[in-house]
PDB file of N, CA and C in Angstrom:
ATOM      1  N   MET A   1      21.308  37.589  51.733  1.00  0.00           N
ATOM      2  CA  MET A   1      21.782  38.820  52.316  1.00  0.00           C
ATOM      3  C   MET A   1      22.308  38.550  53.718  1.00  0.00           C
ATOM      4  N   THR A   2      23.412  39.121  54.004  1.00  0.00           N
ATOM      5  CA  THR A   2      23.977  38.967  55.341  1.00  0.00           C
ATOM      6  C   THR A   2      24.458  40.326  55.822  1.00  0.00           C
ATOM      7  N   GLY A   3      24.907  40.344  57.037  1.00  0.00           N
ATOM      8  CA  GLY A   3      25.446  41.585  57.583  1.00  0.00           C
ATOM      9  C   GLY A   3      24.369  42.425  58.249  1.00  0.00           C
ATOM     10  N   TRP A   4      24.597  43.719  58.219  1.00  0.00           N
ATOM     11  CA  TRP A   4      23.738  44.669  58.927  1.00  0.00           C
ATOM     12  C   TRP A   4      22.348  44.786  58.324  1.00  0.00           C
ATOM     13  N   SER A   5      22.178  44.486  57.038  1.00  0.00           N
ATOM     14  CA  SER A   5      20.884  44.722  56.389  1.00  0.00           C
ATOM     15  C   SER A   5      19.833  43.665  56.734  1.00  0.00           C
ATOM     16  N   GLN A   6      20.261  42.460  57.043  1.00  0.00           N
ATOM     17  CA  GLN A   6      19.293  41.397  57.298  1.00  0.00           C
ATOM     18  C   GLN A   6      18.406  41.679  58.509  1.00  0.00           C
ATOM     19  N   PRO A   7      18.958  42.097  59.639  1.00  0.00           N
ATOM     20  CA  PRO A   7      18.070  42.431  60.776  1.00  0.00           C
ATOM     21  C   PRO A   7      17.106  43.570  60.450  1.00  0.00           C
ATOM     22  N   LEU A   8      17.577  44.549  59.682  1.00  0.00           N
ATOM     23  CA  LEU A   8      16.717  45.664  59.293  1.00  0.00           C
ATOM     24  C   LEU A   8      15.562  45.167  58.429  1.00  0.00           C
ATOM     25  N   LEU A   9      15.859  44.340  57.439  1.00  0.00           N
ATOM     26  CA  LEU A   9      14.818  43.797  56.569  1.00  0.00           C
ATOM     27  C   LEU A   9      13.860  42.893  57.334  1.00  0.00           C
ATOM     28  N   ASP A  10      14.386  42.095  58.254  1.00  0.00           N
ATOM     29  CA  ASP A  10      13.514  41.243  59.065  1.00  0.00           C
ATOM     30  C   ASP A  10      12.571  42.078  59.919  1.00  0.00           C
ATOM     31  N   GLY A  11      13.077  43.171  60.455  1.00  0.00           N
ATOM     32  CA  GLY A  11      12.240  44.063  61.255  1.00  0.00           C
ATOM     33  C   GLY A  11      11.163  44.731  60.418  1.00  0.00           C
ATOM     34  N   LEU A  12      11.528  45.165  59.231  1.00  0.00           N
ATOM     35  CA  LEU A  12      10.554  45.805  58.346  1.00  0.00           C
ATOM     36  C   LEU A  12       9.491  44.825  57.870  1.00  0.00           C
ATOM     37  N   ALA A  13       9.868  43.568  57.711  1.00  0.00           N
ATOM     38  CA  ALA A  13       8.914  42.560  57.247  1.00  0.00           C
ATOM     39  C   ALA A  13       7.789  42.354  58.258  1.00  0.00           C
ATOM     40  N   GLY A  14       8.045  42.641  59.522  1.00  0.00           N
ATOM     41  CA  GLY A  14       7.031  42.466  60.547  1.00  0.00           C
ATOM     42  C   GLY A  14       6.133  43.671  60.750  1.00  0.00           C
ATOM     43  N   VAL A  15       6.371  44.753  60.019  1.00  0.00           N
ATOM     44  CA  VAL A  15       5.587  45.974  60.188  1.00  0.00           C
ATOM     45  C   VAL A  15       4.284  45.851  59.406  1.00  0.00           C
ATOM     46  N   ASN A  16       3.178  46.178  60.064  1.00  0.00           N
ATOM     47  CA  ASN A  16       1.875  46.195  59.395  1.00  0.00           C
ATOM     48  C   ASN A  16       1.762  47.503  58.611  1.00  0.00           C
ATOM     49  N   PRO A  17       1.628  47.430  57.270  1.00  0.00           N
ATOM     50  CA  PRO A  17       1.610  48.660  56.480  1.00  0.00           C
ATOM     51  C   PRO A  17       0.271  49.405  56.487  1.00  0.00           C
ATOM     52  N   ALA A  18      -0.781  48.803  57.010  1.00  0.00           N
ATOM     53  CA  ALA A  18      -2.115  49.425  56.947  1.00  0.00           C
ATOM     54  C   ALA A  18      -2.142  50.841  57.531  1.00  0.00           C
ATOM     55  N   PRO A  19      -1.560  51.089  58.707  1.00  0.00           N
ATOM     56  CA  PRO A  19      -1.590  52.464  59.227  1.00  0.00           C
ATOM     57  C   PRO A  19      -0.842  53.447  58.324  1.00  0.00           C
ATOM     58  N   LEU A  20       0.210  52.987  57.671  1.00  0.00           N
ATOM     59  CA  LEU A  20       0.952  53.868  56.764  1.00  0.00           C
ATOM     60  C   LEU A  20       0.102  54.249  55.566  1.00  0.00           C
ATOM     61  N   PHE A  21      -0.671  53.293  55.049  1.00  0.00           N
ATOM     62  CA  PHE A  21      -1.554  53.596  53.929  1.00  0.00           C
ATOM     63  C   PHE A  21      -2.598  54.628  54.343  1.00  0.00           C
ATOM     64  N   ALA A  22      -3.165  54.451  55.518  1.00  0.00           N
ATOM     65  CA  ALA A  22      -4.175  55.398  55.996  1.00  0.00           C
ATOM     66  C   ALA A  22      -3.559  56.783  56.189  1.00  0.00           C
ATOM     67  N   LEU A  23      -2.369  56.830  56.759  1.00  0.00           N
ATOM     68  CA  LEU A  23      -1.705  58.121  56.973  1.00  0.00           C
ATOM     69  C   LEU A  23      -1.332  58.794  55.653  1.00  0.00           C
ATOM     70  N   SER A  24      -1.057  58.006  54.624  1.00  0.00           N
ATOM     71  CA  SER A  24      -0.666  58.599  53.348  1.00  0.00           C
ATOM     72  C   SER A  24      -1.827  59.337  52.686  1.00  0.00           C
ATOM     73  N   LEU A  25      -3.046  59.064  53.110  1.00  0.00           N
ATOM     74  CA  LEU A  25      -4.189  59.785  52.552  1.00  0.00           C
ATOM     75  C   LEU A  25      -4.187  61.261  52.945  1.00  0.00           C
ATOM     76  N   ILE A  26      -3.641  61.572  54.106  1.00  0.00           N
ATOM     77  CA  ILE A  26      -3.651  62.955  54.589  1.00  0.00           C
ATOM     78  C   ILE A  26      -2.891  63.882  53.636  1.00  0.00           C
ATOM     79  N   PRO A  27      -1.629  63.590  53.288  1.00  0.00           N
ATOM     80  CA  PRO A  27      -0.963  64.498  52.348  1.00  0.00           C
ATOM     81  C   PRO A  27      -1.591  64.467  50.956  1.00  0.00           C
ATOM     82  N   TYR A  28      -2.152  63.324  50.555  1.00  0.00           N
ATOM     83  CA  TYR A  28      -2.767  63.269  49.228  1.00  0.00           C
ATOM     84  C   TYR A  28      -4.033  64.123  49.187  1.00  0.00           C
ATOM     85  N   LEU A  29      -4.832  64.074  50.237  1.00  0.00           N
ATOM     86  CA  LEU A  29      -6.017  64.931  50.293  1.00  0.00           C
ATOM     87  C   LEU A  29      -5.620  66.398  50.341  1.00  0.00           C
ATOM     88  N   ALA A  30      -4.526  66.707  51.028  1.00  0.00           N
ATOM     89  CA  ALA A  30      -4.023  68.087  51.043  1.00  0.00           C
ATOM     90  C   ALA A  30      -3.590  68.499  49.635  1.00  0.00           C
ATOM     91  N   PHE A  31      -2.926  67.595  48.917  1.00  0.00           N
ATOM     92  CA  PHE A  31      -2.548  67.883  47.529  1.00  0.00           C
ATOM     93  C   PHE A  31      -3.781  68.150  46.680  1.00  0.00           C
ATOM     94  N   LEU A  32      -4.825  67.336  46.823  1.00  0.00           N
ATOM     95  CA  LEU A  32      -6.042  67.547  46.036  1.00  0.00           C
ATOM     96  C   LEU A  32      -6.668  68.908  46.350  1.00  0.00           C
ATOM     97  N   TRP A  33      -6.691  69.281  47.624  1.00  0.00           N
ATOM     98  CA  TRP A  33      -7.234  70.580  48.004  1.00  0.00           C
ATOM     99  C   TRP A  33      -6.403  71.698  47.364  1.00  0.00           C
ATOM    100  N   TRP A  34      -5.078  71.585  47.490  1.00  0.00           N
ATOM    101  CA  TRP A  34      -4.183  72.600  46.940  1.00  0.00           C
ATOM    102  C   TRP A  34      -4.337  72.678  45.419  1.00  0.00           C
ATOM    103  N   ALA A  35      -4.393  71.543  44.750  1.00  0.00           N
ATOM    104  CA  ALA A  35      -4.514  71.521  43.290  1.00  0.00           C
ATOM    105  C   ALA A  35      -5.829  72.143  42.843  1.00  0.00           C
ATOM    106  N   ARG A  36      -6.856  71.976  43.642  1.00  0.00           N
ATOM    107  CA  ARG A  36      -8.166  72.547  43.301  1.00  0.00           C
ATOM    108  C   ARG A  36      -8.132  74.072  43.353  1.00  0.00           C
ATOM    109  N   GLN A  37      -7.228  74.629  44.169  1.00  0.00           N
ATOM    110  CA  GLN A  37      -7.135  76.083  44.323  1.00  0.00           C
ATOM    111  C   GLN A  37      -6.398  76.748  43.155  1.00  0.00           C
ATOM    112  N   ILE A  38      -5.655  75.969  42.398  1.00  0.00           N
ATOM    113  CA  ILE A  38      -4.840  76.522  41.309  1.00  0.00           C
ATOM    114  C   ILE A  38      -5.713  76.761  40.092  1.00  0.00           C
ATOM    115  N   ARG A  39      -5.703  77.985  39.610  1.00  0.00           N
ATOM    116  CA  ARG A  39      -6.521  78.312  38.431  1.00  0.00           C
ATOM    117  C   ARG A  39      -6.082  77.556  37.197  1.00  0.00           C
ATOM    118  N   GLY A  40      -4.798  77.300  37.066  1.00  0.00           N
ATOM    119  CA  GLY A  40      -4.283  76.652  35.866  1.00  0.00           C
ATOM    120  C   GLY A  40      -4.437  75.146  35.843  1.00  0.00           C
ATOM    121  N   MET A  41      -4.931  74.565  36.922  1.00  0.00           N
ATOM    122  CA  MET A  41      -5.077  73.102  36.957  1.00  0.00           C
ATOM    123  C   MET A  41      -6.218  72.689  36.032  1.00  0.00           C
ATOM    124  N   PRO A  42      -5.924  71.890  35.016  1.00  0.00           N
ATOM    125  CA  PRO A  42      -6.995  71.433  34.127  1.00  0.00           C
ATOM    126  C   PRO A  42      -8.006  70.579  34.902  1.00  0.00           C
ATOM    127  N   PRO A  43      -9.295  70.845  34.728  1.00  0.00           N
ATOM    128  CA  PRO A  43     -10.306  70.089  35.480  1.00  0.00           C
ATOM    129  C   PRO A  43     -10.212  68.576  35.277  1.00  0.00           C
ATOM    130  N   LEU A  44      -9.950  68.134  34.043  1.00  0.00           N
ATOM    131  CA  LEU A  44      -9.854  66.690  33.809  1.00  0.00           C
ATOM    132  C   LEU A  44      -8.649  66.098  34.530  1.00  0.00           C
ATOM    133  N   ALA A  45      -7.548  66.828  34.565  1.00  0.00           N
ATOM    134  CA  ALA A  45      -6.368  66.349  35.294  1.00  0.00           C
ATOM    135  C   ALA A  45      -6.681  66.242  36.783  1.00  0.00           C
ATOM    136  N   TRP A  46      -7.360  67.258  37.327  1.00  0.00           N
ATOM    137  CA  TRP A  46      -7.720  67.199  38.746  1.00  0.00           C
ATOM    138  C   TRP A  46      -8.624  65.994  39.020  1.00  0.00           C
ATOM    139  N   ARG A  47      -9.586  65.759  38.134  1.00  0.00           N
ATOM    140  CA  ARG A  47     -10.468  64.588  38.308  1.00  0.00           C
ATOM    141  C   ARG A  47      -9.672  63.298  38.249  1.00  0.00           C
ATOM    142  N   GLY A  48      -8.658  63.262  37.405  1.00  0.00           N
ATOM    143  CA  GLY A  48      -7.797  62.077  37.343  1.00  0.00           C
ATOM    144  C   GLY A  48      -7.054  61.855  38.646  1.00  0.00           C
ATOM    145  N   PHE A  49      -6.522  62.945  39.218  1.00  0.00           N
ATOM    146  CA  PHE A  49      -5.860  62.813  40.510  1.00  0.00           C
ATOM    147  C   PHE A  49      -6.853  62.344  41.571  1.00  0.00           C
ATOM    148  N   ALA A  50      -8.056  62.897  41.547  1.00  0.00           N
ATOM    149  CA  ALA A  50      -9.080  62.488  42.518  1.00  0.00           C
ATOM    150  C   ALA A  50      -9.493  61.036  42.290  1.00  0.00           C
ATOM    151  N   PHE A  51      -9.525  60.609  41.026  1.00  0.00           N
ATOM    152  CA  PHE A  51      -9.921  59.233  40.701  1.00  0.00           C
ATOM    153  C   PHE A  51      -8.922  58.222  41.266  1.00  0.00           C
ATOM    154  N   THR A  52      -7.718  58.687  41.571  1.00  0.00           N
ATOM    155  CA  THR A  52      -6.738  57.806  42.214  1.00  0.00           C
ATOM    156  C   THR A  52      -7.297  57.257  43.522  1.00  0.00           C
ATOM    157  N   LEU A  53      -8.164  58.036  44.188  1.00  0.00           N
ATOM    158  CA  LEU A  53      -8.792  57.546  45.420  1.00  0.00           C
ATOM    159  C   LEU A  53      -9.727  56.376  45.126  1.00  0.00           C
ATOM    160  N   VAL A  54     -10.339  56.363  43.943  1.00  0.00           N
ATOM    161  CA  VAL A  54     -11.160  55.220  43.536  1.00  0.00           C
ATOM    162  C   VAL A  54     -10.263  53.997  43.382  1.00  0.00           C
ATOM    163  N   PHE A  55      -9.079  54.200  42.801  1.00  0.00           N
ATOM    164  CA  PHE A  55      -8.106  53.103  42.700  1.00  0.00           C
ATOM    165  C   PHE A  55      -7.743  52.572  44.087  1.00  0.00           C
ATOM    166  N   VAL A  56      -7.497  53.479  45.013  1.00  0.00           N
ATOM    167  CA  VAL A  56      -7.140  53.056  46.379  1.00  0.00           C
ATOM    168  C   VAL A  56      -8.273  52.246  46.991  1.00  0.00           C
ATOM    169  N   ALA A  57      -9.501  52.742  46.856  1.00  0.00           N
ATOM    170  CA  ALA A  57     -10.654  52.012  47.410  1.00  0.00           C
ATOM    171  C   ALA A  57     -10.805  50.659  46.720  1.00  0.00           C
ATOM    172  N   GLY A  58     -10.634  50.629  45.401  1.00  0.00           N
ATOM    173  CA  GLY A  58     -10.728  49.369  44.670  1.00  0.00           C
ATOM    174  C   GLY A  58      -9.658  48.384  45.082  1.00  0.00           C
ATOM    175  N   THR A  59      -8.481  48.892  45.379  1.00  0.00           N
ATOM    176  CA  THR A  59      -7.390  48.032  45.834  1.00  0.00           C
ATOM    177  C   THR A  59      -7.700  47.440  47.202  1.00  0.00           C
ATOM    178  N   VAL A  60      -8.268  48.246  48.077  1.00  0.00           N
ATOM    179  CA  VAL A  60      -8.634  47.750  49.410  1.00  0.00           C
ATOM    180  C   VAL A  60      -9.692  46.654  49.283  1.00  0.00           C
ATOM    181  N   VAL A  61     -10.731  46.931  48.492  1.00  0.00           N
ATOM    182  CA  VAL A  61     -11.789  45.938  48.297  1.00  0.00           C
ATOM    183  C   VAL A  61     -11.211  44.680  47.643  1.00  0.00           C
ATOM    184  N   GLY A  62     -10.374  44.863  46.623  1.00  0.00           N
ATOM    185  CA  GLY A  62      -9.762  43.719  45.958  1.00  0.00           C
ATOM    186  C   GLY A  62      -8.901  42.896  46.896  1.00  0.00           C
ATOM    187  N   SER A  63      -8.179  43.556  47.772  1.00  0.00           N
ATOM    188  CA  SER A  63      -7.335  42.844  48.744  1.00  0.00           C
ATOM    189  C   SER A  63      -8.182  42.024  49.702  1.00  0.00           C
ATOM    190  N   ILE A  64      -9.275  42.609  50.149  1.00  0.00           N
ATOM    191  CA  ILE A  64     -10.169  41.890  51.062  1.00  0.00           C
ATOM    192  C   ILE A  64     -10.763  40.678  50.363  1.00  0.00           C
ATOM    193  N   LEU A  65     -11.223  40.876  49.126  1.00  0.00           N
ATOM    194  CA  LEU A  65     -11.795  39.750  48.373  1.00  0.00           C
ATOM    195  C   LEU A  65     -10.755  38.667  48.100  1.00  0.00           C
ATOM    196  N   ALA A  66      -9.553  39.074  47.720  1.00  0.00           N
ATOM    197  CA  ALA A  66      -8.497  38.093  47.446  1.00  0.00           C
ATOM    198  C   ALA A  66      -8.192  37.268  48.693  1.00  0.00           C
ATOM    199  N   SER A  67      -8.143  37.939  49.820  1.00  0.00           N
ATOM    200  CA  SER A  67      -7.834  37.242  51.069  1.00  0.00           C
ATOM    201  C   SER A  67      -8.967  36.330  51.509  1.00  0.00           C
ATOM    202  N   SER A  68     -10.202  36.848  51.460  1.00  0.00           N
ATOM    203  CA  SER A  68     -11.322  36.063  51.982  1.00  0.00           C
ATOM    204  C   SER A  68     -11.783  34.970  51.023  1.00  0.00           C
ATOM    205  N   LEU A  69     -11.750  35.226  49.728  1.00  0.00           N
ATOM    206  CA  LEU A  69     -12.233  34.228  48.768  1.00  0.00           C
ATOM    207  C   LEU A  69     -11.166  33.247  48.313  1.00  0.00           C
ATOM    208  N   HIS A  70      -9.929  33.723  48.229  1.00  0.00           N
ATOM    209  CA  HIS A  70      -8.870  32.887  47.663  1.00  0.00           C
ATOM    210  C   HIS A  70      -7.736  32.598  48.635  1.00  0.00           C
ATOM    211  N   GLY A  71      -7.758  33.222  49.796  1.00  0.00           N
ATOM    212  CA  GLY A  71      -6.680  33.012  50.761  1.00  0.00           C
ATOM    213  C   GLY A  71      -5.332  33.466  50.221  1.00  0.00           C
ATOM    214  N   ALA A  72      -5.350  34.498  49.385  1.00  0.00           N
ATOM    215  CA  ALA A  72      -4.126  34.967  48.743  1.00  0.00           C
ATOM    216  C   ALA A  72      -4.051  36.485  48.785  1.00  0.00           C
ATOM    217  N   ARG A  73      -2.882  36.985  48.397  1.00  0.00           N
ATOM    218  CA  ARG A  73      -2.708  38.436  48.274  1.00  0.00           C
ATOM    219  C   ARG A  73      -3.335  38.910  46.975  1.00  0.00           C
ATOM    220  N   LEU A  74      -3.662  40.185  46.913  1.00  0.00           N
ATOM    221  CA  LEU A  74      -4.250  40.765  45.708  1.00  0.00           C
ATOM    222  C   LEU A  74      -3.363  40.516  44.490  1.00  0.00           C
ATOM    223  N   ALA A  75      -2.060  40.670  44.655  1.00  0.00           N
ATOM    224  CA  ALA A  75      -1.133  40.502  43.534  1.00  0.00           C
ATOM    225  C   ALA A  75      -1.156  39.083  42.970  1.00  0.00           C
ATOM    226  N   ASP A  76      -1.648  38.136  43.757  1.00  0.00           N
ATOM    227  CA  ASP A  76      -1.663  36.738  43.318  1.00  0.00           C
ATOM    228  C   ASP A  76      -2.982  36.313  42.677  1.00  0.00           C
ATOM    229  N   VAL A  77      -3.983  37.180  42.669  1.00  0.00           N
ATOM    230  CA  VAL A  77      -5.278  36.863  42.058  1.00  0.00           C
ATOM    231  C   VAL A  77      -5.434  37.782  40.843  1.00  0.00           C
ATOM    232  N   ASP A  78      -5.069  37.243  39.688  1.00  0.00           N
ATOM    233  CA  ASP A  78      -4.961  38.067  38.481  1.00  0.00           C
ATOM    234  C   ASP A  78      -6.212  38.873  38.132  1.00  0.00           C
ATOM    235  N   PRO A  79      -7.416  38.304  38.157  1.00  0.00           N
ATOM    236  CA  PRO A  79      -8.581  39.117  37.775  1.00  0.00           C
ATOM    237  C   PRO A  79      -8.796  40.316  38.711  1.00  0.00           C
ATOM    238  N   LEU A  80      -8.606  40.111  39.989  1.00  0.00           N
ATOM    239  CA  LEU A  80      -8.775  41.212  40.944  1.00  0.00           C
ATOM    240  C   LEU A  80      -7.649  42.231  40.803  1.00  0.00           C
ATOM    241  N   HIS A  81      -6.440  41.739  40.672  1.00  0.00           N
ATOM    242  CA  HIS A  81      -5.291  42.628  40.534  1.00  0.00           C
ATOM    243  C   HIS A  81      -5.395  43.439  39.245  1.00  0.00           C
ATOM    244  N   GLY A  82      -5.777  42.776  38.165  1.00  0.00           N
ATOM    245  CA  GLY A  82      -5.940  43.476  36.894  1.00  0.00           C
ATOM    246  C   GLY A  82      -7.026  44.532  36.956  1.00  0.00           C
ATOM    247  N   SER A  83      -8.110  44.225  37.643  1.00  0.00           N
ATOM    248  CA  SER A  83      -9.196  45.203  37.781  1.00  0.00           C
ATOM    249  C   SER A  83      -8.734  46.432  38.549  1.00  0.00           C
ATOM    250  N   ALA A  84      -7.973  46.216  39.594  1.00  0.00           N
ATOM    251  CA  ALA A  84      -7.449  47.345  40.365  1.00  0.00           C
ATOM    252  C   ALA A  84      -6.495  48.173  39.499  1.00  0.00           C
ATOM    253  N   GLU A  85      -5.660  47.516  38.732  1.00  0.00           N
ATOM    254  CA  GLU A  85      -4.710  48.230  37.881  1.00  0.00           C
ATOM    255  C   GLU A  85      -5.411  49.022  36.781  1.00  0.00           C
ATOM    256  N   VAL A  86      -6.554  48.528  36.313  1.00  0.00           N
ATOM    257  CA  VAL A  86      -7.330  49.278  35.319  1.00  0.00           C
ATOM    258  C   VAL A  86      -7.761  50.618  35.910  1.00  0.00           C
ATOM    259  N   LEU A  87      -8.156  50.617  37.181  1.00  0.00           N
ATOM    260  CA  LEU A  87      -8.548  51.874  37.829  1.00  0.00           C
ATOM    261  C   LEU A  87      -7.388  52.871  37.856  1.00  0.00           C
ATOM    262  N   LEU A  88      -6.192  52.374  38.135  1.00  0.00           N
ATOM    263  CA  LEU A  88      -5.020  53.251  38.140  1.00  0.00           C
ATOM    264  C   LEU A  88      -4.720  53.759  36.729  1.00  0.00           C
ATOM    265  N   THR A  89      -4.868  52.890  35.744  1.00  0.00           N
ATOM    266  CA  THR A  89      -4.634  53.301  34.359  1.00  0.00           C
ATOM    267  C   THR A  89      -5.620  54.382  33.934  1.00  0.00           C
ATOM    268  N   VAL A  90      -6.889  54.217  34.300  1.00  0.00           N
ATOM    269  CA  VAL A  90      -7.897  55.231  33.966  1.00  0.00           C
ATOM    270  C   VAL A  90      -7.515  56.566  34.609  1.00  0.00           C
ATOM    271  N   SER A  91      -7.094  56.525  35.851  1.00  0.00           N
ATOM    272  CA  SER A  91      -6.670  57.741  36.544  1.00  0.00           C
ATOM    273  C   SER A  91      -5.510  58.409  35.807  1.00  0.00           C
ATOM    274  N   ASN A  92      -4.518  57.615  35.429  1.00  0.00           N
ATOM    275  CA  ASN A  92      -3.358  58.164  34.729  1.00  0.00           C
ATOM    276  C   ASN A  92      -3.734  58.763  33.379  1.00  0.00           C
ATOM    277  N   VAL A  93      -4.630  58.101  32.656  1.00  0.00           N
ATOM    278  CA  VAL A  93      -5.055  58.613  31.349  1.00  0.00           C
ATOM    279  C   VAL A  93      -5.815  59.932  31.520  1.00  0.00           C
ATOM    280  N   MET A  94      -6.637  60.029  32.555  1.00  0.00           N
ATOM    281  CA  MET A  94      -7.365  61.277  32.803  1.00  0.00           C
ATOM    282  C   MET A  94      -6.395  62.428  33.075  1.00  0.00           C
ATOM    283  N   VAL A  95      -5.375  62.170  33.882  1.00  0.00           N
ATOM    284  CA  VAL A  95      -4.372  63.204  34.173  1.00  0.00           C
ATOM    285  C   VAL A  95      -3.648  63.596  32.884  1.00  0.00           C
ATOM    286  N   LEU A  96      -3.229  62.603  32.125  1.00  0.00           N
ATOM    287  CA  LEU A  96      -2.518  62.865  30.874  1.00  0.00           C
ATOM    288  C   LEU A  96      -3.368  63.688  29.912  1.00  0.00           C
ATOM    289  N   LEU A  97      -4.603  63.249  29.680  1.00  0.00           N
ATOM    290  CA  LEU A  97      -5.470  63.967  28.745  1.00  0.00           C
ATOM    291  C   LEU A  97      -5.808  65.372  29.234  1.00  0.00           C
ATOM    292  N   GLY A  98      -5.946  65.520  30.541  1.00  0.00           N
ATOM    293  CA  GLY A  98      -6.218  66.846  31.095  1.00  0.00           C
ATOM    294  C   GLY A  98      -5.081  67.816  30.822  1.00  0.00           C
ATOM    295  N   PHE A  99      -3.845  67.405  31.094  1.00  0.00           N
ATOM    296  CA  PHE A  99      -2.705  68.285  30.852  1.00  0.00           C
ATOM    297  C   PHE A  99      -2.427  68.443  29.359  1.00  0.00           C
ATOM    298  N   GLN A 100      -2.644  67.398  28.588  1.00  0.00           N
ATOM    299  CA  GLN A 100      -2.445  67.506  27.145  1.00  0.00           C
ATOM    300  C   GLN A 100      -3.434  68.507  26.548  1.00  0.00           C
ATOM    301  N   GLY A 101      -4.694  68.413  26.947  1.00  0.00           N
ATOM    302  CA  GLY A 101      -5.698  69.351  26.453  1.00  0.00           C
ATOM    303  C   GLY A 101      -5.367  70.786  26.831  1.00  0.00           C
ATOM    304  N   ALA A 102      -4.906  70.990  28.062  1.00  0.00           N
ATOM    305  CA  ALA A 102      -4.530  72.334  28.504  1.00  0.00           C
ATOM    306  C   ALA A 102      -3.340  72.846  27.700  1.00  0.00           C
ATOM    307  N   SER A 103      -2.396  71.974  27.426  1.00  0.00           N
ATOM    308  CA  SER A 103      -1.227  72.369  26.641  1.00  0.00           C
ATOM    309  C   SER A 103      -1.624  72.758  25.221  1.00  0.00           C
ATOM    310  N   ILE A 104      -2.499  71.988  24.614  1.00  0.00           N
ATOM    311  CA  ILE A 104      -2.964  72.295  23.259  1.00  0.00           C
ATOM    312  C   ILE A 104      -3.720  73.622  23.246  1.00  0.00           C
ATOM    313  N   ARG A 105      -4.597  73.835  24.239  1.00  0.00           N
ATOM    314  CA  ARG A 105      -5.347  75.094  24.312  1.00  0.00           C
ATOM    315  C   ARG A 105      -4.405  76.289  24.450  1.00  0.00           C
ATOM    316  N   ARG A 106      -3.387  76.171  25.300  1.00  0.00           N
ATOM    317  CA  ARG A 106      -2.443  77.285  25.482  1.00  0.00           C
ATOM    318  C   ARG A 106      -1.672  77.567  24.193  1.00  0.00           C
ATOM    319  N   ARG A 107      -1.234  76.504  23.543  1.00  0.00           N
ATOM    320  CA  ARG A 107      -0.509  76.683  22.290  1.00  0.00           C
ATOM    321  C   ARG A 107      -1.382  77.375  21.245  1.00  0.00           C
ATOM    322  N   THR A 108      -2.636  76.959  21.155  1.00  0.00           N
ATOM    323  CA  THR A 108      -3.572  77.559  20.198  1.00  0.00           C
ATOM    324  C   THR A 108      -3.810  79.028  20.529  1.00  0.00           C
ATOM    325  N   GLN A 109      -3.966  79.340  21.817  1.00  0.00           N
ATOM    326  CA  GLN A 109      -4.185  80.730  22.226  1.00  0.00           C
ATOM    327  C   GLN A 109      -2.971  81.594  21.925  1.00  0.00           C
ATOM    328  N   ARG A 110      -1.778  81.068  22.158  1.00  0.00           N
ATOM    329  CA  ARG A 110      -0.557  81.836  21.869  1.00  0.00           C
ATOM    330  C   ARG A 110      -0.412  82.082  20.367  1.00  0.00           C
ATOM    331  N   ALA A 111      -0.718  81.051  19.582  1.00  0.00           N
ATOM    332  CA  ALA A 111      -0.610  81.215  18.124  1.00  0.00           C
ATOM    333  C   ALA A 111      -1.625  82.249  17.635  1.00  0.00           C
ATOM    334  N   ALA A 112      -2.832  82.227  18.176  1.00  0.00           N
ATOM    335  CA  ALA A 112      -3.856  83.199  17.774  1.00  0.00           C
ATOM    336  C   ALA A 112      -3.443  84.605  18.179  1.00  0.00           C
ATOM    337  N   ALA A 113      -2.866  84.752  19.357  1.00  0.00           N
ATOM    338  CA  ALA A 113      -2.407  86.075  19.809  1.00  0.00           C
ATOM    339  C   ALA A 113      -1.273  86.573  18.931  1.00  0.00           C
ATOM    340  N   ALA A 114      -0.378  85.684  18.539  1.00  0.00           N
ATOM    341  CA  ALA A 114       0.736  86.077  17.675  1.00  0.00           C
ATOM    342  C   ALA A 114       0.227  86.513  16.299  1.00  0.00           C
ATOM    343  N   ARG A 115      -0.786  85.829  15.778  1.00  0.00           N
ATOM    344  CA  ARG A 115      -1.358  86.209  14.486  1.00  0.00           C
ATOM    345  C   ARG A 115      -2.036  87.581  14.576  1.00  0.00           C
ATOM    346  N   ARG A 116      -2.726  87.827  15.687  1.00  0.00           N
ATOM    347  CA  ARG A 116      -3.387  89.139  15.857  1.00  0.00           C
ATOM    348  C   ARG A 116      -2.355  90.253  15.914  1.00  0.00           C
ATOM    349  N   GLU A 117      -1.258  90.030  16.627  1.00  0.00           N
ATOM    350  CA  GLU A 117      -0.217  91.040  16.750  1.00  0.00           C
ATOM    351  C   GLU A 117       0.468  91.294  15.409  1.00  0.00           C
ATOM    352  N   ALA A 118       0.642  90.229  14.648  1.00  0.00           N
ATOM    353  CA  ALA A 118       1.302  90.355  13.345  1.00  0.00           C
ATOM    354  C   ALA A 118       0.376  90.958  12.310  1.00  0.00           C
ATOM    355  N   GLY A 119      -0.908  90.811  12.564  1.00  0.00           N
ATOM    356  CA  GLY A 119      -1.969  91.075  11.671  1.00  0.00           C
ATOM    357  C   GLY A 119      -2.231  92.292  11.009  1.00  0.00           C
TER     358      GLY A 119
END
C-alpha cells in the first residue's frame, strides 16, 4: 500500500485498543438495560445477549493466558481461541433460540385466536 493510506494505517497500528474495548461496554450495558425494559424481549434471548459479556471476559482471560504462557496472541493459540469462540457461539445460540421460541409462540397464539374467531 502506498499513498495517503499508509501513514493512516501506520498510525492506527500504534493505537492501544484496550481503552476502546472498555468504552464499548458502556453502550452494550445500556443496550442490555434497554432490552430488559421491553416486554416483548424473550428472556432466553436477553440471557444470550447478557452471556456475550461472559464471552468478553473469557476473551480477556484467554488473551492474558496466551500472552503469559505462550508469548502469543489469543488468535494464535488454538485451544484458547477455540474456547473463547465457543462462548460466543453459545451466546448466539441462546439469542437465536430465544427469538425462535417467541416467534413460534406468537404464531401459535395467532392461529388459536383465528380458530376461535372462525369457530
